[in-house]
């Protein structure tokens, strides 16, 4: 998984990618500088560091990574669609009657 993350960091032009953890949590990477990788001294000790938009930094053991995929994760897409539907319902859907 670490090699996949490194590859996605180097792709030109950069594309957002998703890291899904074994807990089901999704980490979206929107900038190549938002994530760093490091090999450990022993096999299986690799970690990734993620700098979040809030300014917090998190270390994740590579063994916690279930998958890596290009683009917004489907769970995020569903959440965004649900939020958009709520906003449209609340504010009239953005279309005005004539």
N, C-alpha and C. Protein backbone atom coordinates (compact mmCIF):
# COMPACT_ATOMS: atom_id res chain seq x y z
N UNK A 1 0.82 -1.20 0.00
CA UNK A 1 0.00 0.00 0.00
C UNK A 1 0.86 1.27 0.00
N UNK A 2 1.99 1.22 0.69
CA UNK A 2 2.87 2.38 0.74
C UNK A 2 3.34 2.74 -0.67
N UNK A 3 3.69 1.72 -1.47
CA UNK A 3 4.14 1.99 -2.84
C UNK A 3 3.03 2.60 -3.67
N UNK A 4 1.79 2.17 -3.46
CA UNK A 4 0.64 2.76 -4.18
C UNK A 4 0.49 4.22 -3.82
N UNK A 5 0.62 4.54 -2.54
CA UNK A 5 0.49 5.93 -2.10
C UNK A 5 1.61 6.76 -2.71
N UNK A 6 2.82 6.25 -2.70
CA UNK A 6 3.94 6.98 -3.29
C UNK A 6 3.71 7.23 -4.77
N UNK A 7 3.20 6.22 -5.46
CA UNK A 7 2.92 6.38 -6.89
C UNK A 7 1.87 7.47 -7.10
N UNK A 8 0.79 7.43 -6.32
CA UNK A 8 -0.28 8.43 -6.47
C UNK A 8 0.21 9.84 -6.15
N UNK A 9 1.17 9.96 -5.25
CA UNK A 9 1.76 11.26 -4.93
C UNK A 9 2.53 11.82 -6.12
N UNK A 10 3.11 10.95 -6.92
CA UNK A 10 3.99 11.39 -8.00
C UNK A 10 3.28 11.60 -9.34
N UNK A 11 2.04 11.19 -9.45
CA UNK A 11 1.31 11.31 -10.72
C UNK A 11 1.12 12.77 -11.11
N UNK A 12 1.36 13.06 -12.39
CA UNK A 12 1.13 14.41 -12.93
C UNK A 12 0.05 14.34 -13.99
N UNK A 13 -0.96 15.13 -13.96
CA UNK A 13 -1.29 16.02 -12.85
C UNK A 13 -1.81 15.22 -11.66
N UNK A 14 -1.63 15.80 -10.48
CA UNK A 14 -2.07 15.13 -9.25
C UNK A 14 -3.58 14.93 -9.26
N UNK A 15 -4.02 13.79 -8.77
CA UNK A 15 -5.44 13.51 -8.62
C UNK A 15 -5.72 13.17 -7.15
N UNK A 16 -6.85 13.66 -6.65
CA UNK A 16 -7.28 13.30 -5.30
C UNK A 16 -7.33 11.78 -5.19
N UNK A 17 -6.93 11.26 -4.03
CA UNK A 17 -7.08 9.83 -3.80
C UNK A 17 -7.57 9.57 -2.39
N UNK A 18 -8.05 8.35 -2.18
CA UNK A 18 -8.67 7.96 -0.92
C UNK A 18 -7.89 6.82 -0.29
N UNK A 19 -7.76 6.89 1.02
CA UNK A 19 -7.16 5.81 1.79
C UNK A 19 -8.25 5.29 2.73
N UNK A 20 -8.61 4.02 2.56
CA UNK A 20 -9.61 3.42 3.45
C UNK A 20 -8.89 2.58 4.48
N UNK A 21 -9.21 2.82 5.74
CA UNK A 21 -8.58 2.09 6.84
C UNK A 21 -9.39 0.85 7.19
N UNK A 22 -8.77 -0.08 7.89
CA UNK A 22 -9.46 -1.32 8.26
C UNK A 22 -10.65 -1.06 9.18
N UNK A 23 -10.69 0.10 9.82
CA UNK A 23 -11.82 0.47 10.68
C UNK A 23 -13.02 0.96 9.86
N UNK A 24 -12.80 1.17 8.55
CA UNK A 24 -13.86 1.70 7.70
C UNK A 24 -13.74 3.20 7.50
N UNK A 25 -12.87 3.83 8.25
CA UNK A 25 -12.66 5.28 8.12
C UNK A 25 -11.98 5.59 6.79
N UNK A 26 -12.37 6.70 6.19
CA UNK A 26 -11.81 7.13 4.91
C UNK A 26 -11.01 8.40 5.12
N UNK A 27 -9.81 8.44 4.55
CA UNK A 27 -8.98 9.64 4.58
C UNK A 27 -8.81 10.09 3.13
N UNK A 28 -9.29 11.29 2.82
CA UNK A 28 -9.18 11.85 1.48
C UNK A 28 -7.89 12.66 1.40
N UNK A 29 -7.12 12.45 0.34
CA UNK A 29 -5.88 13.19 0.11
C UNK A 29 -6.11 14.09 -1.10
N UNK A 30 -6.10 15.40 -0.88
CA UNK A 30 -6.39 16.36 -1.94
C UNK A 30 -5.14 17.06 -2.47
N UNK A 31 -3.99 16.82 -1.84
CA UNK A 31 -2.75 17.47 -2.24
C UNK A 31 -1.60 16.51 -1.94
N UNK A 32 -0.68 16.38 -2.87
CA UNK A 32 0.43 15.43 -2.69
C UNK A 32 1.26 15.73 -1.43
N UNK A 33 1.26 16.97 -0.97
CA UNK A 33 2.03 17.34 0.21
C UNK A 33 1.28 17.10 1.51
N UNK A 34 0.07 16.59 1.39
CA UNK A 34 -0.76 16.31 2.57
C UNK A 34 -0.39 14.98 3.21
N UNK A 35 0.37 14.15 2.50
CA UNK A 35 0.70 12.82 3.01
C UNK A 35 2.19 12.54 2.81
N UNK A 36 2.77 11.83 3.79
CA UNK A 36 4.17 11.42 3.71
C UNK A 36 4.25 9.95 4.10
N UNK A 37 5.24 9.26 3.57
CA UNK A 37 5.41 7.85 3.89
C UNK A 37 6.79 7.61 4.48
N UNK A 38 6.89 6.59 5.32
CA UNK A 38 8.19 6.23 5.91
C UNK A 38 8.23 4.72 6.15
N UNK A 39 9.35 4.14 5.79
CA UNK A 39 9.57 2.71 6.06
C UNK A 39 10.04 2.55 7.50
N UNK A 40 9.65 1.47 8.11
CA UNK A 40 10.12 1.18 9.46
C UNK A 40 11.39 0.36 9.43
N UNK A 41 11.97 0.15 10.59
CA UNK A 41 13.20 -0.63 10.69
C UNK A 41 12.96 -2.11 10.41
N UNK A 42 11.74 -2.56 10.66
CA UNK A 42 11.38 -3.97 10.45
C UNK A 42 10.25 -4.05 9.43
N UNK A 43 10.15 -5.21 8.79
CA UNK A 43 9.07 -5.42 7.83
C UNK A 43 7.71 -5.21 8.50
N UNK A 44 6.87 -4.43 7.87
CA UNK A 44 5.54 -4.16 8.43
C UNK A 44 5.48 -2.95 9.33
N UNK A 45 6.60 -2.25 9.51
CA UNK A 45 6.63 -1.07 10.39
C UNK A 45 6.37 0.24 9.66
N UNK A 46 6.05 0.19 8.37
CA UNK A 46 5.85 1.41 7.59
C UNK A 46 4.68 2.22 8.14
N UNK A 47 4.79 3.54 8.02
CA UNK A 47 3.72 4.44 8.47
C UNK A 47 3.49 5.50 7.40
N UNK A 48 2.31 6.09 7.46
CA UNK A 48 2.04 7.27 6.65
C UNK A 48 1.66 8.39 7.61
N UNK A 49 2.05 9.58 7.24
CA UNK A 49 1.67 10.76 8.01
C UNK A 49 0.71 11.56 7.17
N UNK A 50 -0.36 12.02 7.78
CA UNK A 50 -1.37 12.80 7.06
C UNK A 50 -1.54 14.14 7.76
N UNK A 51 -1.39 15.21 6.98
CA UNK A 51 -1.63 16.56 7.48
C UNK A 51 -3.05 16.93 7.08
N UNK A 52 -3.91 17.13 8.08
CA UNK A 52 -5.31 17.44 7.83
C UNK A 52 -5.50 18.94 7.63
N UNK A 53 -6.62 19.31 6.98
CA UNK A 53 -6.91 20.72 6.70
C UNK A 53 -6.97 21.56 7.98
N UNK A 54 -7.33 20.92 9.09
CA UNK A 54 -7.42 21.62 10.37
C UNK A 54 -6.05 21.97 10.94
N UNK A 55 -4.98 21.42 10.32
CA UNK A 55 -3.63 21.66 10.81
C UNK A 55 -3.12 20.54 11.70
N UNK A 56 -3.97 19.56 12.01
CA UNK A 56 -3.53 18.43 12.82
C UNK A 56 -2.78 17.43 11.96
N UNK A 57 -1.90 16.68 12.59
CA UNK A 57 -1.08 15.68 11.91
C UNK A 57 -1.36 14.33 12.53
N UNK A 58 -1.46 13.31 11.70
CA UNK A 58 -1.81 11.97 12.17
C UNK A 58 -0.85 10.96 11.57
N UNK A 59 -0.39 10.02 12.37
CA UNK A 59 0.41 8.90 11.89
C UNK A 59 -0.47 7.66 11.83
N UNK A 60 -0.40 6.96 10.71
CA UNK A 60 -1.21 5.76 10.52
C UNK A 60 -0.27 4.61 10.16
N UNK A 61 -0.36 3.52 10.89
CA UNK A 61 0.42 2.33 10.60
C UNK A 61 -0.06 1.76 9.28
N UNK A 62 0.86 1.40 8.40
CA UNK A 62 0.50 0.88 7.08
C UNK A 62 -0.38 -0.36 7.18
N UNK A 63 -0.27 -1.10 8.25
CA UNK A 63 -1.10 -2.29 8.44
C UNK A 63 -2.57 -1.96 8.63
N UNK A 64 -2.88 -0.71 8.92
CA UNK A 64 -4.27 -0.28 9.09
C UNK A 64 -4.93 0.10 7.77
N UNK A 65 -4.16 0.13 6.68
CA UNK A 65 -4.70 0.54 5.39
C UNK A 65 -5.34 -0.66 4.69
N UNK A 66 -6.64 -0.54 4.41
CA UNK A 66 -7.37 -1.62 3.73
C UNK A 66 -7.28 -1.46 2.22
N UNK A 67 -7.37 -0.20 1.74
CA UNK A 67 -7.32 0.03 0.30
C UNK A 67 -6.94 1.47 -0.01
N UNK A 68 -6.49 1.67 -1.23
CA UNK A 68 -6.15 3.00 -1.74
C UNK A 68 -6.81 3.10 -3.10
N UNK A 69 -7.51 4.21 -3.36
CA UNK A 69 -8.19 4.37 -4.65
C UNK A 69 -8.12 5.81 -5.13
N UNK A 70 -8.17 5.97 -6.44
CA UNK A 70 -8.10 7.29 -7.06
C UNK A 70 -9.48 7.94 -7.03
N UNK A 71 -9.50 9.23 -6.74
CA UNK A 71 -10.75 10.00 -6.73
C UNK A 71 -11.40 10.03 -5.36
N UNK A 72 -12.55 10.70 -5.32
CA UNK A 72 -13.33 10.72 -4.08
C UNK A 72 -13.86 9.33 -3.81
N UNK A 73 -13.79 8.91 -2.58
CA UNK A 73 -14.30 7.59 -2.20
C UNK A 73 -15.82 7.59 -2.35
N UNK A 74 -16.42 6.48 -2.79
CA UNK A 74 -17.88 6.42 -2.95
C UNK A 74 -18.67 6.84 -1.70
N UNK A 75 -18.15 6.54 -0.50
CA UNK A 75 -18.84 6.96 0.73
C UNK A 75 -18.89 8.48 0.81
N UNK A 76 -17.80 9.15 0.42
CA UNK A 76 -17.77 10.62 0.43
C UNK A 76 -18.74 11.17 -0.60
N UNK A 77 -18.79 10.55 -1.77
CA UNK A 77 -19.72 10.99 -2.80
C UNK A 77 -21.16 10.91 -2.30
N UNK A 78 -21.49 9.84 -1.60
CA UNK A 78 -22.84 9.68 -1.04
C UNK A 78 -23.12 10.77 0.00
N UNK A 79 -22.15 11.03 0.86
CA UNK A 79 -22.32 12.07 1.89
C UNK A 79 -22.52 13.44 1.24
N UNK A 80 -21.74 13.74 0.22
CA UNK A 80 -21.88 15.02 -0.47
C UNK A 80 -23.24 15.14 -1.16
N UNK A 81 -23.70 14.06 -1.76
CA UNK A 81 -25.01 14.08 -2.42
C UNK A 81 -26.12 14.28 -1.40
N UNK A 82 -26.00 13.65 -0.24
CA UNK A 82 -27.02 13.81 0.81
C UNK A 82 -27.02 15.25 1.34
N UNK A 83 -25.85 15.83 1.53
CA UNK A 83 -25.78 17.22 1.99
C UNK A 83 -26.37 18.17 0.97
N UNK A 84 -26.06 17.93 -0.29
CA UNK A 84 -26.60 18.78 -1.36
C UNK A 84 -28.13 18.70 -1.38
N UNK A 85 -28.66 17.49 -1.25
CA UNK A 85 -30.11 17.32 -1.25
C UNK A 85 -30.75 18.07 -0.08
N UNK A 86 -30.11 18.01 1.09
CA UNK A 86 -30.62 18.74 2.26
C UNK A 86 -30.62 20.24 2.02
N UNK A 87 -29.54 20.75 1.45
CA UNK A 87 -29.43 22.18 1.18
C UNK A 87 -30.46 22.61 0.14
N UNK A 88 -30.60 21.82 -0.91
CA UNK A 88 -31.57 22.15 -1.95
C UNK A 88 -32.99 22.13 -1.39
N UNK A 89 -33.27 21.18 -0.54
CA UNK A 89 -34.60 21.10 0.08
C UNK A 89 -34.84 22.33 0.96
N UNK A 90 -33.83 22.68 1.73
CA UNK A 90 -33.96 23.81 2.66
C UNK A 90 -34.09 25.15 1.94
N UNK A 91 -33.37 25.31 0.86
CA UNK A 91 -33.35 26.59 0.15
C UNK A 91 -34.10 26.56 -1.18
N UNK A 92 -34.92 25.59 -1.38
CA UNK A 92 -35.76 25.56 -2.58
C UNK A 92 -35.09 25.00 -3.82
N UNK A 93 -34.01 24.32 -3.68
CA UNK A 93 -33.39 23.65 -4.80
C UNK A 93 -32.63 24.54 -5.77
N UNK A 94 -32.52 25.81 -5.47
CA UNK A 94 -31.74 26.69 -6.31
C UNK A 94 -32.45 27.13 -7.57
N UNK A 95 -33.67 26.62 -7.83
CA UNK A 95 -34.40 27.06 -9.02
C UNK A 95 -35.54 27.97 -8.59
N UNK A 96 -35.71 29.03 -9.31
CA UNK A 96 -36.75 30.01 -8.97
C UNK A 96 -37.93 29.84 -9.89
N UNK A 97 -39.14 30.03 -9.37
CA UNK A 97 -40.35 29.96 -10.19
C UNK A 97 -40.50 31.24 -10.98
N UNK A 98 -40.99 31.12 -12.21
CA UNK A 98 -41.19 32.29 -13.05
C UNK A 98 -42.65 32.55 -13.27
